[in-house]
Amino acid sequence: MAKRVGVSAATVQRVWAARGLKPHLVHSFKLSNDPRFEEKLIDVVGLYLDPPQGAIVLCLDEKSSVQALDRTQASLPIKKGRAATMTHDYKRNGTTTLFAALDVLTGTVIGQCLPRHRHEEFLKFLRTIEREVPAGLAVHLICDNYATRKHPAVRAWLAKHPRFHMHFRRLPLCLGDRPGGAVSNRPWRGACCAPSSAA
């Protein structure tokens, strides 16, 4: 552009910066072709904006293949004049799957790390939610339509626990979803979860 206009590249950069232009950044989007998209969107957003009385609304998701990493030496504590420190190298402890349910209203999270990503682990996490949420509350779970959610064993468990209500969505309507979600692909700092296998 600088050559075409007849100015220096630095001039072009200054003009773009002064006007907040960032032509190198691209935001992506996806339009749904689901004929029931509007109905599902209203259901999910309605739960977030106006939760039912006597209920808790949880955004449920999982992140599989999380690297459980440990630094080779302990970090030095932060003190005045010195930032936090950590070694450049780490020990791999295999991978784990993080299951999390976020209560958007209060910001609290029910989380659990499990070694694999199957319907058995999903059922364990549902049992954790069952224990954590007070007995008098209905539980509305907003989640994707991953196959583990529809497994016969999961459906049977849900049938025996009528306070659980599943709300499936196809597009990113949970905070952990891409793009720009709360859960990242970067390795976790410190082994916060039990690993599934040694690397």
C-alpha atoms as a PDB file:
ATOM      1  CA  MET A   1       0.000   0.000   0.000  1.00  0.00           C
ATOM      2  CA  ALA A   2       2.852   2.387   0.838  1.00  0.00           C
ATOM      3  CA  LYS A   3       4.391   1.936  -2.615  1.00  0.00           C
ATOM      4  CA  ARG A   4       1.075   2.464  -4.385  1.00  0.00           C
ATOM      5  CA  VAL A   5       0.264   5.669  -2.468  1.00  0.00           C
ATOM      6  CA  GLY A   6       3.856   6.906  -2.610  1.00  0.00           C
ATOM      7  CA  VAL A   7       4.604   7.142   1.110  1.00  0.00           C
ATOM      8  CA  SER A   8       6.749   5.148   3.518  1.00  0.00           C
ATOM      9  CA  ALA A   9       5.550   1.984   5.249  1.00  0.00           C
ATOM     10  CA  ALA A  10       5.950   3.778   8.600  1.00  0.00           C
ATOM     11  CA  THR A  11       3.510   6.480   7.426  1.00  0.00           C
ATOM     12  CA  VAL A  12       0.927   3.852   6.512  1.00  0.00           C
ATOM     13  CA  GLN A  13       1.376   2.219   9.927  1.00  0.00           C
ATOM     14  CA  ARG A  14       0.944   5.576  11.706  1.00  0.00           C
ATOM     15  CA  VAL A  15      -2.249   6.359   9.766  1.00  0.00           C
ATOM     16  CA  TRP A  16      -3.702   2.917  10.488  1.00  0.00           C
ATOM     17  CA  ALA A  17      -2.778   3.161  14.187  1.00  0.00           C
ATOM     18  CA  ALA A  18      -4.280   6.662  14.494  1.00  0.00           C
ATOM     19  CA  ARG A  19      -7.598   5.404  13.132  1.00  0.00           C
ATOM     20  CA  GLY A  20      -7.562   2.035  14.917  1.00  0.00           C
ATOM     21  CA  LEU A  21      -7.374   0.094  11.647  1.00  0.00           C
ATOM     22  CA  LYS A  22      -6.032  -3.453  11.827  1.00  0.00           C
ATOM     23  CA  PRO A  23      -6.352  -4.967   8.341  1.00  0.00           C
ATOM     24  CA  HIS A  24      -4.235  -7.972   9.340  1.00  0.00           C
ATOM     25  CA  LEU A  25      -6.883  -9.173  11.826  1.00  0.00           C
ATOM     26  CA  VAL A  26      -9.713 -11.356  10.558  1.00  0.00           C
ATOM     27  CA  HIS A  27     -12.743 -12.430  12.595  1.00  0.00           C
ATOM     28  CA  SER A  28     -14.581 -15.537  11.484  1.00  0.00           C
ATOM     29  CA  PHE A  29     -18.257 -16.375  11.806  1.00  0.00           C
ATOM     30  CA  LYS A  30     -20.586 -19.216  10.941  1.00  0.00           C
ATOM     31  CA  LEU A  31     -24.257 -19.061  10.093  1.00  0.00           C
ATOM     32  CA  SER A  32     -26.345 -22.048  11.113  1.00  0.00           C
ATOM     33  CA  ASN A  33     -28.419 -23.929   8.550  1.00  0.00           C
ATOM     34  CA  ASP A  34     -30.452 -25.586  11.332  1.00  0.00           C
ATOM     35  CA  PRO A  35     -34.151 -24.780  10.718  1.00  0.00           C
ATOM     36  CA  ARG A  36     -34.699 -24.818  14.524  1.00  0.00           C
ATOM     37  CA  PHE A  37     -31.719 -22.571  15.271  1.00  0.00           C
ATOM     38  CA  GLU A  38     -33.789 -19.561  16.382  1.00  0.00           C
ATOM     39  CA  GLU A  39     -35.865 -21.721  18.738  1.00  0.00           C
ATOM     40  CA  LYS A  40     -32.711 -23.265  20.267  1.00  0.00           C
ATOM     41  CA  LEU A  41     -31.013 -19.886  20.546  1.00  0.00           C
ATOM     42  CA  ILE A  42     -33.996 -18.385  22.380  1.00  0.00           C
ATOM     43  CA  ASP A  43     -34.091 -21.416  24.710  1.00  0.00           C
ATOM     44  CA  VAL A  44     -30.404 -21.185  25.642  1.00  0.00           C
ATOM     45  CA  VAL A  45     -30.099 -17.399  25.840  1.00  0.00           C
ATOM     46  CA  GLY A  46     -33.402 -17.250  27.714  1.00  0.00           C
ATOM     47  CA  LEU A  47     -32.010 -19.609  30.356  1.00  0.00           C
ATOM     48  CA  TYR A  48     -28.956 -17.400  30.808  1.00  0.00           C
ATOM     49  CA  LEU A  49     -30.926 -14.134  30.948  1.00  0.00           C
ATOM     50  CA  ASP A  50     -33.942 -15.299  32.951  1.00  0.00           C
ATOM     51  CA  PRO A  51     -33.214 -18.550  34.816  1.00  0.00           C
ATOM     52  CA  PRO A  52     -36.258 -20.424  36.144  1.00  0.00           C
ATOM     53  CA  GLN A  53     -37.120 -20.030  39.833  1.00  0.00           C
ATOM     54  CA  GLY A  54     -35.716 -22.842  41.985  1.00  0.00           C
ATOM     55  CA  ALA A  55     -33.167 -23.842  39.352  1.00  0.00           C
ATOM     56  CA  ILE A  56     -29.508 -23.507  38.506  1.00  0.00           C
ATOM     57  CA  VAL A  57     -28.283 -23.057  34.914  1.00  0.00           C
ATOM     58  CA  LEU A  58     -24.887 -24.585  34.147  1.00  0.00           C
ATOM     59  CA  CYS A  59     -22.865 -24.292  30.969  1.00  0.00           C
ATOM     60  CA  LEU A  60     -21.232 -27.724  30.681  1.00  0.00           C
ATOM     61  CA  ASP A  61     -18.271 -28.604  28.507  1.00  0.00           C
ATOM     62  CA  GLU A  62     -15.104 -30.632  28.497  1.00  0.00           C
ATOM     63  CA  LYS A  63     -11.588 -30.222  27.235  1.00  0.00           C
ATOM     64  CA  SER A  64      -9.881 -33.458  26.295  1.00  0.00           C
ATOM     65  CA  SER A  65      -6.154 -34.119  25.882  1.00  0.00           C
ATOM     66  CA  VAL A  66      -5.096 -31.511  28.419  1.00  0.00           C
ATOM     67  CA  GLN A  67      -1.367 -31.815  29.035  1.00  0.00           C
ATOM     68  CA  ALA A  68      -0.600 -32.249  32.728  1.00  0.00           C
ATOM     69  CA  LEU A  69       2.776 -30.536  33.131  1.00  0.00           C
ATOM     70  CA  ASP A  70       5.011 -30.074  36.160  1.00  0.00           C
ATOM     71  CA  ARG A  71       7.968 -27.712  36.286  1.00  0.00           C
ATOM     72  CA  THR A  72      11.257 -29.409  37.165  1.00  0.00           C
ATOM     73  CA  GLN A  73      11.813 -27.076  40.142  1.00  0.00           C
ATOM     74  CA  ALA A  74       9.542 -25.107  42.436  1.00  0.00           C
ATOM     75  CA  SER A  75       8.808 -21.490  41.536  1.00  0.00           C
ATOM     76  CA  LEU A  76      10.220 -18.686  43.649  1.00  0.00           C
ATOM     77  CA  PRO A  77       7.561 -16.648  45.446  1.00  0.00           C
ATOM     78  CA  ILE A  78       6.577 -13.205  44.219  1.00  0.00           C
ATOM     79  CA  LYS A  79       7.971 -10.364  46.298  1.00  0.00           C
ATOM     80  CA  LYS A  80       8.468  -6.654  45.875  1.00  0.00           C
ATOM     81  CA  GLY A  81      10.757  -6.021  42.949  1.00  0.00           C
ATOM     82  CA  ARG A  82      10.665  -9.611  41.638  1.00  0.00           C
ATOM     83  CA  ALA A  83       8.099 -11.182  39.353  1.00  0.00           C
ATOM     84  CA  ALA A  84       6.992 -14.792  39.596  1.00  0.00           C
ATOM     85  CA  THR A  85       9.559 -17.272  38.307  1.00  0.00           C
ATOM     86  CA  MET A  86       9.443 -20.704  36.751  1.00  0.00           C
ATOM     87  CA  THR A  87      11.909 -23.019  35.080  1.00  0.00           C
ATOM     88  CA  HIS A  88      11.948 -23.176  31.310  1.00  0.00           C
ATOM     89  CA  ASP A  89      11.705 -26.971  31.279  1.00  0.00           C
ATOM     90  CA  TYR A  90       8.943 -29.250  32.488  1.00  0.00           C
ATOM     91  CA  LYS A  91       8.049 -32.881  33.073  1.00  0.00           C
ATOM     92  CA  ARG A  92       5.193 -34.385  31.066  1.00  0.00           C
ATOM     93  CA  ASN A  93       2.632 -36.303  33.093  1.00  0.00           C
ATOM     94  CA  GLY A  94       0.474 -37.516  30.225  1.00  0.00           C
ATOM     95  CA  THR A  95      -2.942 -36.110  29.413  1.00  0.00           C
ATOM     96  CA  THR A  96      -6.261 -35.780  31.162  1.00  0.00           C
ATOM     97  CA  THR A  97      -9.790 -34.596  30.384  1.00  0.00           C
ATOM     98  CA  LEU A  98     -11.215 -31.593  32.193  1.00  0.00           C
ATOM     99  CA  PHE A  99     -14.993 -31.590  32.723  1.00  0.00           C
ATOM    100  CA  ALA A 100     -16.429 -28.259  33.885  1.00  0.00           C
ATOM    101  CA  ALA A 101     -19.855 -26.759  34.566  1.00  0.00           C
ATOM    102  CA  LEU A 102     -19.997 -22.981  34.897  1.00  0.00           C
ATOM    103  CA  ASP A 103     -22.791 -21.191  36.745  1.00  0.00           C
ATOM    104  CA  VAL A 104     -22.792 -17.961  34.738  1.00  0.00           C
ATOM    105  CA  LEU A 105     -24.955 -16.190  37.328  1.00  0.00           C
ATOM    106  CA  THR A 106     -22.474 -16.619  40.204  1.00  0.00           C
ATOM    107  CA  GLY A 107     -19.256 -17.444  38.355  1.00  0.00           C
ATOM    108  CA  THR A 108     -18.754 -20.672  40.297  1.00  0.00           C
ATOM    109  CA  VAL A 109     -17.395 -23.737  38.552  1.00  0.00           C
ATOM    110  CA  ILE A 110     -17.894 -27.405  39.261  1.00  0.00           C
ATOM    111  CA  GLY A 111     -14.890 -29.137  37.754  1.00  0.00           C
ATOM    112  CA  GLN A 112     -13.354 -32.574  37.627  1.00  0.00           C
ATOM    113  CA  CYS A 113     -10.408 -34.121  35.803  1.00  0.00           C
ATOM    114  CA  LEU A 114     -10.880 -37.669  34.580  1.00  0.00           C
ATOM    115  CA  PRO A 115      -8.502 -39.893  32.639  1.00  0.00           C
ATOM    116  CA  ARG A 116     -10.634 -40.455  29.547  1.00  0.00           C
ATOM    117  CA  HIS A 117     -13.416 -38.895  27.488  1.00  0.00           C
ATOM    118  CA  ARG A 118     -16.237 -41.456  27.298  1.00  0.00           C
ATOM    119  CA  HIS A 119     -19.813 -41.768  28.517  1.00  0.00           C
ATOM    120  CA  GLU A 120     -18.578 -43.419  31.743  1.00  0.00           C
ATOM    121  CA  GLU A 121     -16.599 -40.291  32.641  1.00  0.00           C
ATOM    122  CA  PHE A 122     -19.527 -38.078  31.667  1.00  0.00           C
ATOM    123  CA  LEU A 123     -21.738 -40.055  34.071  1.00  0.00           C
ATOM    124  CA  LYS A 124     -19.152 -39.610  36.834  1.00  0.00           C
ATOM    125  CA  PHE A 125     -19.242 -35.880  36.230  1.00  0.00           C
ATOM    126  CA  LEU A 126     -23.054 -35.833  36.299  1.00  0.00           C
ATOM    127  CA  ARG A 127     -22.866 -37.586  39.687  1.00  0.00           C
ATOM    128  CA  THR A 128     -20.433 -34.898  40.863  1.00  0.00           C
ATOM    129  CA  ILE A 129     -22.908 -32.201  39.809  1.00  0.00           C
ATOM    130  CA  GLU A 130     -25.669 -34.142  41.596  1.00  0.00           C
ATOM    131  CA  ARG A 131     -23.624 -34.017  44.831  1.00  0.00           C
ATOM    132  CA  GLU A 132     -22.552 -30.369  44.472  1.00  0.00           C
ATOM    133  CA  VAL A 133     -25.908 -28.767  43.607  1.00  0.00           C
ATOM    134  CA  PRO A 134     -28.352 -28.417  46.533  1.00  0.00           C
ATOM    135  CA  ALA A 135     -31.132 -31.024  46.415  1.00  0.00           C
ATOM    136  CA  GLY A 136     -34.015 -28.552  46.043  1.00  0.00           C
ATOM    137  CA  LEU A 137     -32.790 -27.044  42.780  1.00  0.00           C
ATOM    138  CA  ALA A 138     -33.562 -28.161  39.243  1.00  0.00           C
ATOM    139  CA  VAL A 139     -30.418 -28.426  37.112  1.00  0.00           C
ATOM    140  CA  HIS A 140     -30.479 -27.040  33.565  1.00  0.00           C
ATOM    141  CA  LEU A 141     -27.379 -28.130  31.645  1.00  0.00           C
ATOM    142  CA  ILE A 142     -26.508 -26.271  28.448  1.00  0.00           C
ATOM    143  CA  CYS A 143     -24.113 -28.423  26.438  1.00  0.00           C
ATOM    144  CA  ASP A 144     -23.149 -29.524  22.964  1.00  0.00           C
ATOM    145  CA  ASN A 145     -24.622 -32.628  21.355  1.00  0.00           C
ATOM    146  CA  TYR A 146     -21.496 -34.757  21.722  1.00  0.00           C
ATOM    147  CA  ALA A 147     -22.241 -38.497  21.457  1.00  0.00           C
ATOM    148  CA  THR A 148     -21.547 -39.231  25.138  1.00  0.00           C
ATOM    149  CA  ARG A 149     -24.569 -37.110  26.093  1.00  0.00           C
ATOM    150  CA  LYS A 150     -26.914 -39.389  24.153  1.00  0.00           C
ATOM    151  CA  HIS A 151     -25.499 -42.764  25.183  1.00  0.00           C
ATOM    152  CA  PRO A 152     -28.198 -45.174  26.480  1.00  0.00           C
ATOM    153  CA  ALA A 153     -26.558 -45.327  29.930  1.00  0.00           C
ATOM    154  CA  VAL A 154     -26.586 -41.511  30.161  1.00  0.00           C
ATOM    155  CA  ARG A 155     -30.221 -41.369  29.023  1.00  0.00           C
ATOM    156  CA  ALA A 156     -31.157 -43.989  31.625  1.00  0.00           C
ATOM    157  CA  TRP A 157     -29.387 -42.002  34.367  1.00  0.00           C
ATOM    158  CA  LEU A 158     -31.140 -38.800  33.305  1.00  0.00           C
ATOM    159  CA  ALA A 159     -34.511 -40.586  33.318  1.00  0.00           C
ATOM    160  CA  LYS A 160     -33.876 -41.578  36.965  1.00  0.00           C
ATOM    161  CA  HIS A 161     -32.883 -37.997  37.863  1.00  0.00           C
ATOM    162  CA  PRO A 162     -35.762 -35.799  36.658  1.00  0.00           C
ATOM    163  CA  ARG A 163     -34.304 -32.620  38.139  1.00  0.00           C
ATOM    164  CA  PHE A 164     -31.705 -32.651  35.336  1.00  0.00           C
ATOM    165  CA  HIS A 165     -32.754 -30.915  32.103  1.00  0.00           C
ATOM    166  CA  MET A 166     -30.436 -31.065  29.077  1.00  0.00           C
ATOM    167  CA  HIS A 167     -30.414 -28.215  26.559  1.00  0.00           C
ATOM    168  CA  PHE A 168     -28.382 -29.105  23.474  1.00  0.00           C
ATOM    169  CA  ARG A 169     -26.914 -26.566  21.099  1.00  0.00           C
ATOM    170  CA  ARG A 170     -24.883 -26.960  17.926  1.00  0.00           C
ATOM    171  CA  LEU A 171     -23.095 -23.620  17.777  1.00  0.00           C
ATOM    172  CA  PRO A 172     -20.769 -22.086  20.370  1.00  0.00           C
ATOM    173  CA  LEU A 173     -23.139 -20.812  23.030  1.00  0.00           C
ATOM    174  CA  CYS A 174     -21.046 -21.803  26.031  1.00  0.00           C
ATOM    175  CA  LEU A 175     -18.110 -19.837  27.396  1.00  0.00           C
ATOM    176  CA  GLY A 176     -15.604 -22.602  26.798  1.00  0.00           C
ATOM    177  CA  ASP A 177     -16.326 -22.918  23.095  1.00  0.00           C
ATOM    178  CA  ARG A 178     -14.172 -21.676  20.262  1.00  0.00           C
ATOM    179  CA  PRO A 179     -13.551 -19.072  19.032  1.00  0.00           C
ATOM    180  CA  GLY A 180     -12.160 -17.071  21.949  1.00  0.00           C
ATOM    181  CA  GLY A 181     -13.510 -19.376  24.648  1.00  0.00           C
ATOM    182  CA  ALA A 182     -12.383 -19.763  28.224  1.00  0.00           C
ATOM    183  CA  VAL A 183     -10.674 -23.112  27.635  1.00  0.00           C
ATOM    184  CA  SER A 184      -7.462 -22.880  25.621  1.00  0.00           C
ATOM    185  CA  ASN A 185      -5.185 -25.277  23.771  1.00  0.00           C
ATOM    186  CA  ARG A 186      -2.127 -24.071  25.673  1.00  0.00           C
ATOM    187  CA  PRO A 187      -0.548 -26.543  28.116  1.00  0.00           C
ATOM    188  CA  TRP A 188      -1.771 -26.148  31.680  1.00  0.00           C
ATOM    189  CA  ARG A 189       0.772 -24.766  34.129  1.00  0.00           C
ATOM    190  CA  GLY A 190       1.267 -27.303  36.918  1.00  0.00           C
ATOM    191  CA  ALA A 191      -0.243 -30.746  37.140  1.00  0.00           C
ATOM    192  CA  CYS A 192      -3.708 -29.796  38.381  1.00  0.00           C
ATOM    193  CA  CYS A 193      -5.298 -33.036  37.235  1.00  0.00           C
ATOM    194  CA  ALA A 194      -4.459 -36.695  37.444  1.00  0.00           C
ATOM    195  CA  PRO A 195      -2.884 -37.755  34.134  1.00  0.00           C
ATOM    196  CA  SER A 196      -4.267 -40.617  32.091  1.00  0.00           C
ATOM    197  CA  SER A 197      -0.904 -41.934  30.958  1.00  0.00           C
ATOM    198  CA  ALA A 198       2.743 -41.034  30.993  1.00  0.00           C
ATOM    199  CA  ALA A 199       4.047 -39.543  27.791  1.00  0.00           C
END
